[in-house]
Each structure stands twice: as C-alpha cells, then as structure tokens.
Amino acid sequence: MANRRQSISILIVYFIVYALPTLLVTGFPHLGSQVYLIQTLDYLIGAIVLGYLAWHHASPNTIEQHPSSWLTTLLWGLVGTLVVIVGQNVILSLTHLLGQSTASANTNTLLAIGQKYPLFFLAILVGAPIMEEIVFRKVIFGFFVPVTGGIGAAVISSILFSFAHADGHLILYAFIGLFFCWLYHRTGRIQTSMITHILMNSIAVLPVFFS
C-alpha cells in the first residue's frame, strides 16, 4: 500500500514537471528564452524529487528482490549502451529502406535548443532520463509485473514510453523501452537502465559539441 501511494505521488509530480514549462509559456509569453532555464531547473529538481519519492521508505518491488552488485550494474549499463545504439541503427536503417523518414522531430528540437542554450543539455542528459526511468520502468513496469507478468508489463510500459515521445518513431522507442525494462529486470536495479539512458542521450548530444 505504501509503495502504491508513492507510485501515485511520483506520477503526479512527473505530470506537473512536464506540464509546467508549457503552462508558463502560455501564461507568461514574455519569458522568452528564460523558459529554457526554467525548464532545465524544473527537470533537475523534478529528478531529485522523484528520486526521493522512489527510494524514501520504499520497499523493494518484485523486480528488486535480488539486486545485482553495483559493479554488475555498471557493467550492464555500459553494455546496454552499446546494444541500444546498435539496435537504434538497425531500426533506422530498416526505416530508411522502407522509404520512411529517419529524422526525429523530438530529438532535433531538443538539440537545436541545446545549441543555443547549452545549460538545457542538463535537462536532456540528467533530468529527463532519471525521471523517465523512475516513471516508465520502476513505477509502471514494476507495478504491472505481478499483474501481467514480465513480458506484458514490459509491453505496456514500452508502449506508453513510445507514445510519450510522440515523434512518429513508435517502433524505435518501443524497442528502447523494452530493452530498458530488460536491463532493469536483469539486474534488479533501476540505476542500470538510468546509466544506459543517460549515455544514450549523451551520444546523441556529442555531435552538437563537435559541430
């Protein structure tokens, strides 16, 4: 019951964090570029609050009963990064062969903002990955595992994760979501998928620094 209350609290805070920048732009259009600084702080504070809610007096869920060592967690996080990058390239290559666009409007928009306001990259590299792993893997995947089993829970979590990014690449994001669920389940630590998620985003951002 305590974990359920914490999960509901996490979801509420998550929606507030993601809705706040849009509400500010709508209510205070004169903010201009300051909204990106606010969004960065919003995401970082949101990650801290969600982390506190996720681990403060929380009992391990079904997935976390037998966690791997921290060294194993780190190694799987690194290996996971390689696997997800290869998987992305394969899916994008197939997408191209089918004559569909491989461009990600979501990613391009975030990178364009980061080029003008580098501090915004903290939201992409730290805030968003931590919050998304807590919400889509620890809370949603973790909640459904006892109900639907691991596969069903992973499918539900990954579909929601894919729709949340809403840029047309549903299969790509579903693959990423499924793989992150597997990493979490494999090690029993949400930090594993967090490491992979952060490194995956970092690799996407690197070309901006070298351009």
Protein backbone atom coordinates (compact mmCIF):
# COMPACT_ATOMS: atom_id res chain seq x y z
CA MET A 1 0.00 0.00 0.00
CA ALA A 2 2.84 2.40 0.87
CA ASN A 3 4.54 1.69 -2.46
CA ARG A 4 1.28 2.29 -4.29
CA ARG A 5 0.86 5.69 -2.65
CA GLN A 6 4.45 6.55 -3.56
CA SER A 7 3.86 5.47 -7.16
CA ILE A 8 0.80 7.71 -7.43
CA SER A 9 2.78 10.60 -5.94
CA ILE A 10 5.57 10.01 -8.46
CA LEU A 11 3.15 10.06 -11.40
CA ILE A 12 1.50 13.27 -10.17
CA VAL A 13 4.85 15.03 -9.72
CA TYR A 14 6.02 13.78 -13.13
CA PHE A 15 3.00 15.23 -14.91
CA ILE A 16 3.41 18.54 -13.07
CA VAL A 17 7.10 18.74 -14.00
CA TYR A 18 6.41 18.12 -17.69
CA ALA A 19 3.36 20.42 -17.82
CA LEU A 20 4.98 23.35 -16.00
CA PRO A 21 7.06 24.78 -18.92
CA THR A 22 4.03 24.73 -21.25
CA LEU A 23 1.86 26.39 -18.63
CA LEU A 24 4.49 29.08 -18.07
CA VAL A 25 4.83 29.80 -21.79
CA THR A 26 1.06 30.03 -22.11
CA GLY A 27 0.59 32.22 -19.06
CA PHE A 28 3.75 34.32 -19.35
CA PRO A 29 4.67 34.67 -23.06
CA HIS A 30 7.14 37.46 -22.25
CA LEU A 31 9.52 34.94 -20.62
CA GLY A 32 11.13 34.22 -24.00
CA SER A 33 14.33 32.18 -23.79
CA GLN A 34 14.21 32.23 -19.97
CA VAL A 35 11.72 29.38 -20.20
CA TYR A 36 14.59 27.02 -21.16
CA LEU A 37 16.47 27.86 -17.97
CA ILE A 38 13.27 27.33 -16.02
CA GLN A 39 12.69 24.03 -17.80
CA THR A 40 16.23 22.88 -17.01
CA LEU A 41 15.80 23.66 -13.32
CA ASP A 42 12.33 22.13 -13.45
CA TYR A 43 13.69 18.83 -14.81
CA LEU A 44 16.64 18.68 -12.42
CA ILE A 45 14.52 19.44 -9.37
CA GLY A 46 11.92 17.01 -10.67
CA ALA A 47 14.54 14.26 -10.91
CA ILE A 48 15.61 14.92 -7.31
CA VAL A 49 12.02 14.91 -6.03
CA LEU A 50 11.12 11.74 -7.94
CA GLY A 51 14.29 10.06 -6.72
CA TYR A 52 13.40 10.96 -3.14
CA LEU A 53 9.86 9.66 -3.56
CA ALA A 54 11.11 6.47 -5.22
CA TRP A 55 13.58 5.48 -2.51
CA HIS A 56 12.44 7.16 0.71
CA HIS A 57 10.94 4.44 2.94
CA ALA A 58 10.08 2.37 -0.16
CA SER A 59 10.05 -1.42 -0.05
CA PRO A 60 11.73 -3.28 -2.94
CA ASN A 61 9.21 -4.26 -5.61
CA THR A 62 9.07 -7.67 -7.29
CA ILE A 63 11.93 -6.83 -9.65
CA GLU A 64 14.23 -5.53 -6.93
CA GLN A 65 14.11 -8.54 -4.57
CA HIS A 66 17.60 -9.79 -5.57
CA PRO A 67 19.61 -6.82 -6.90
CA SER A 68 22.94 -7.30 -8.65
CA SER A 69 26.14 -5.82 -7.28
CA TRP A 70 26.97 -2.22 -8.17
CA LEU A 71 29.84 -3.38 -10.38
CA THR A 72 27.49 -5.65 -12.33
CA THR A 73 25.01 -2.79 -12.55
CA LEU A 74 27.65 -0.51 -14.02
CA LEU A 75 28.87 -3.13 -16.49
CA TRP A 76 25.36 -3.88 -17.73
CA GLY A 77 24.72 -0.15 -18.02
CA LEU A 78 27.76 0.17 -20.31
CA VAL A 79 26.99 -2.98 -22.32
CA GLY A 80 23.39 -1.85 -22.59
CA THR A 81 24.51 1.40 -24.18
CA LEU A 82 26.27 -0.49 -26.98
CA VAL A 83 23.27 -2.75 -27.54
CA VAL A 84 20.74 0.08 -27.67
CA ILE A 85 22.88 2.13 -30.08
CA VAL A 86 23.28 -0.86 -32.42
CA GLY A 87 19.56 -1.57 -32.17
CA GLN A 88 18.72 2.03 -32.98
CA ASN A 89 20.92 1.98 -36.07
CA VAL A 90 19.37 -1.27 -37.29
CA ILE A 91 15.82 0.01 -36.85
CA LEU A 92 16.63 3.35 -38.51
CA SER A 93 18.30 1.54 -41.42
CA LEU A 94 15.18 -0.59 -41.93
CA THR A 95 13.06 2.55 -41.67
CA HIS A 96 15.15 4.17 -44.41
CA LEU A 97 14.87 1.07 -46.63
CA LEU A 98 11.10 1.27 -46.30
CA GLY A 99 11.24 4.81 -47.63
CA GLN A 100 10.25 6.47 -44.38
CA SER A 101 11.93 9.40 -42.72
CA THR A 102 14.54 8.59 -40.09
CA ALA A 103 14.59 12.14 -38.71
CA SER A 104 13.35 12.62 -35.16
CA ALA A 105 11.50 15.89 -34.72
CA ASN A 106 11.67 15.47 -30.96
CA THR A 107 15.46 14.97 -30.90
CA ASN A 108 16.15 17.69 -33.46
CA THR A 109 14.13 20.22 -31.49
CA LEU A 110 15.92 19.41 -28.23
CA LEU A 111 19.36 19.57 -29.87
CA ALA A 112 18.52 22.89 -31.54
CA ILE A 113 17.54 24.36 -28.18
CA GLY A 114 20.69 22.96 -26.57
CA GLN A 115 22.88 24.57 -29.24
CA LYS A 116 21.56 28.00 -28.28
CA TYR A 117 21.27 27.37 -24.56
CA PRO A 118 23.89 24.75 -23.51
CA LEU A 119 22.61 24.53 -19.92
CA PHE A 120 19.49 22.95 -21.38
CA PHE A 121 21.55 19.82 -22.08
CA LEU A 122 21.45 19.12 -18.33
CA ALA A 123 17.71 18.58 -18.71
CA ILE A 124 18.30 16.14 -21.60
CA LEU A 125 21.27 14.29 -20.10
CA VAL A 126 20.32 14.14 -16.44
CA GLY A 127 16.80 15.27 -15.59
CA ALA A 128 14.74 13.55 -18.29
CA PRO A 129 16.48 10.12 -18.23
CA ILE A 130 16.27 9.82 -14.44
CA MET A 131 12.59 10.82 -14.35
CA GLU A 132 11.64 8.58 -17.28
CA GLU A 133 13.35 5.54 -15.79
CA ILE A 134 11.64 6.06 -12.44
CA VAL A 135 8.22 6.55 -14.06
CA PHE A 136 8.19 4.12 -17.01
CA ARG A 137 10.38 1.37 -15.59
CA LYS A 138 10.30 1.47 -11.77
CA VAL A 139 6.69 2.62 -11.38
CA ILE A 140 4.75 1.43 -14.45
CA PHE A 141 6.77 -1.68 -15.36
CA GLY A 142 7.26 -2.51 -11.68
CA PHE A 143 3.53 -2.17 -10.99
CA PHE A 144 2.37 -4.42 -13.85
CA VAL A 145 4.93 -7.25 -13.43
CA PRO A 146 2.94 -9.00 -10.65
CA VAL A 147 -0.30 -8.43 -12.61
CA THR A 148 0.58 -9.33 -16.21
CA GLY A 149 3.99 -10.97 -15.90
CA GLY A 150 7.28 -9.53 -17.14
CA ILE A 151 6.51 -9.57 -20.87
CA GLY A 152 3.08 -8.00 -20.54
CA ALA A 153 4.38 -5.34 -18.16
CA ALA A 154 7.29 -4.53 -20.47
CA VAL A 155 4.92 -4.16 -23.45
CA ILE A 156 2.60 -1.82 -21.54
CA SER A 157 5.48 0.27 -20.21
CA SER A 158 7.19 0.47 -23.60
CA ILE A 159 4.03 1.46 -25.49
CA LEU A 160 3.42 4.29 -23.03
CA PHE A 161 7.09 5.30 -23.26
CA SER A 162 6.86 5.33 -27.05
CA PHE A 163 3.70 7.44 -27.14
CA ALA A 164 5.16 9.85 -24.59
CA HIS A 165 7.89 10.80 -27.09
CA ALA A 166 5.33 11.28 -29.86
CA ASP A 167 7.59 11.86 -32.86
CA GLY A 168 6.42 9.08 -35.17
CA HIS A 169 9.14 6.53 -34.37
CA LEU A 170 6.93 4.29 -32.27
CA ILE A 171 8.80 1.07 -33.05
CA LEU A 172 12.17 2.63 -32.22
CA TYR A 173 11.06 3.97 -28.85
CA ALA A 174 9.18 0.74 -28.10
CA PHE A 175 12.41 -1.19 -28.68
CA ILE A 176 14.32 1.17 -26.40
CA GLY A 177 11.62 0.88 -23.75
CA LEU A 178 11.58 -2.93 -23.93
CA PHE A 179 15.35 -3.12 -23.67
CA PHE A 180 15.43 -0.76 -20.68
CA CYS A 181 12.81 -2.95 -18.99
CA TRP A 182 15.03 -5.97 -19.62
CA LEU A 183 18.07 -4.23 -18.12
CA TYR A 184 16.09 -3.28 -15.03
CA HIS A 185 14.71 -6.81 -14.68
CA ARG A 186 18.12 -8.39 -15.35
CA THR A 187 19.93 -6.54 -12.56
CA GLY A 188 17.10 -5.63 -10.20
CA ARG A 189 18.38 -2.05 -10.11
CA ILE A 190 16.76 0.88 -11.92
CA GLN A 191 20.20 2.52 -11.96
CA THR A 192 21.19 0.11 -14.76
CA SER A 193 18.70 1.49 -17.25
CA MET A 194 19.41 5.01 -15.96
CA ILE A 195 23.09 4.62 -16.86
CA THR A 196 22.24 3.32 -20.34
CA HIS A 197 19.62 6.03 -20.89
CA ILE A 198 21.97 8.83 -19.83
CA LEU A 199 24.82 7.51 -22.00
CA MET A 200 22.48 7.01 -24.97
CA ASN A 201 21.34 10.63 -24.73
CA SER A 202 24.94 11.77 -24.27
CA ILE A 203 25.98 10.07 -27.51
CA ALA A 204 23.14 11.85 -29.32
CA VAL A 205 24.34 15.19 -27.93
CA LEU A 206 28.07 14.74 -28.68
CA PRO A 207 27.85 15.77 -32.38
CA VAL A 208 26.47 19.14 -31.26
CA PHE A 209 29.65 19.84 -29.30
CA PHE A 210 31.89 18.87 -32.21
CA SER A 211 29.91 20.76 -34.85
